[in-house]
Protein backbone atom coordinates (compact mmCIF):
# COMPACT_ATOMS: atom_id res chain seq x y z
CA MET A 1 0.06 0.07 0.01
CA THR A 2 1.45 3.29 -1.05
CA THR A 3 1.58 6.44 1.15
CA LEU A 4 -0.82 8.03 -1.58
CA VAL A 5 -3.33 5.45 -1.00
CA VAL A 6 -3.01 5.72 2.90
CA LEU A 7 -3.14 9.49 3.02
CA GLU A 8 -5.26 10.06 -0.11
CA GLU A 9 -3.57 13.26 -0.74
CA LYS A 10 -1.58 13.90 -3.96
CA HIS A 11 1.04 16.06 -2.20
CA SER A 12 1.87 13.19 0.05
CA GLN A 13 2.73 10.84 -2.89
CA TYR A 14 6.59 11.10 -2.27
CA LEU A 15 6.63 11.15 1.60
CA PHE A 16 7.84 8.11 3.55
CA ARG A 17 7.95 7.47 7.26
CA VAL A 18 11.48 7.28 8.75
CA PRO A 19 11.80 5.02 11.88
CA SER A 20 12.31 6.80 15.12
CA LEU A 21 15.88 6.61 16.78
CA ARG A 22 14.17 6.44 20.32
CA ASN A 23 15.52 3.19 22.03
CA VAL A 24 17.88 2.50 19.02
CA ALA A 25 20.61 1.34 21.48
CA ARG A 26 18.07 -1.42 22.57
CA THR A 27 16.92 -2.66 19.17
CA SER A 28 19.85 -4.65 17.94
CA PRO A 29 20.58 -6.23 15.45
CA TYR A 30 20.81 -3.46 12.90
CA PHE A 31 19.99 -2.92 9.22
CA HIS A 32 17.43 -4.82 7.24
CA ASN A 33 19.13 -8.15 7.39
CA GLY A 34 20.32 -7.93 11.07
CA ALA A 35 23.86 -8.30 9.92
CA ILE A 36 25.30 -5.86 12.49
CA LYS A 37 25.02 -6.94 16.14
CA ASP A 38 26.15 -3.79 17.85
CA LEU A 39 25.51 -0.03 17.67
CA HIS A 40 29.16 0.86 17.29
CA GLY A 41 29.43 -1.25 14.12
CA ALA A 42 26.28 0.24 12.75
CA VAL A 43 27.55 3.82 13.31
CA ARG A 44 30.87 3.07 11.74
CA ILE A 45 29.09 1.69 8.60
CA MET A 46 26.58 4.51 8.37
CA SER A 47 29.27 7.18 8.64
CA LYS A 48 31.18 5.62 5.74
CA TYR A 49 28.30 5.15 3.48
CA GLN A 50 25.84 8.00 4.50
CA LEU A 51 28.46 10.67 5.20
CA GLY A 52 31.28 9.46 2.90
CA ASN A 53 33.83 9.65 5.89
CA GLU A 54 34.53 6.84 8.20
CA PHE A 55 34.34 8.07 11.87
CA THR A 56 37.34 7.71 14.12
CA PRO A 57 36.84 5.54 17.15
CA LYS A 58 36.21 8.74 19.29
CA GLU A 59 33.56 9.91 16.94
CA ILE A 60 31.86 6.50 16.95
CA ASN A 61 31.92 6.37 20.68
CA ASP A 62 30.52 10.05 20.98
CA THR A 63 27.80 9.11 18.49
CA VAL A 64 26.84 6.01 20.33
CA ALA A 65 26.89 7.98 23.66
CA PHE A 66 24.39 10.42 22.14
CA LEU A 67 22.21 7.72 20.76
CA LYS A 68 22.02 6.08 24.14
CA THR A 69 20.49 9.39 25.49
CA LEU A 70 17.52 8.64 23.28
CA ASN A 71 16.65 5.69 25.40
CA GLY A 72 13.25 5.83 27.28
CA GLU A 73 10.52 3.64 28.54
CA ILE A 74 9.30 1.12 25.90
CA VAL A 75 5.85 2.27 24.87
CA ASP A 76 3.26 -0.50 24.27
CA TYR A 77 1.02 0.88 21.55
CA GLY A 78 -1.16 -2.26 21.62
CA PHE A 79 -0.43 -3.45 18.12
């Protein structure tokens, strides 16, 4: 089902939902196939392919520390 069908608005045709980063440190494994088991590895890979510049170990640690601040209570939406 496309976004256009769901929202039934033509201007929404090219919109897509991006997953939240809330609790990302608690939701391993990472990527569509679960190939990366830890957040450090995911940050390293994403820095290389999304930013075109592989992070240093300090930058990876800093990014992981930030992502861990996004942890909160798990919300049960009843789905």
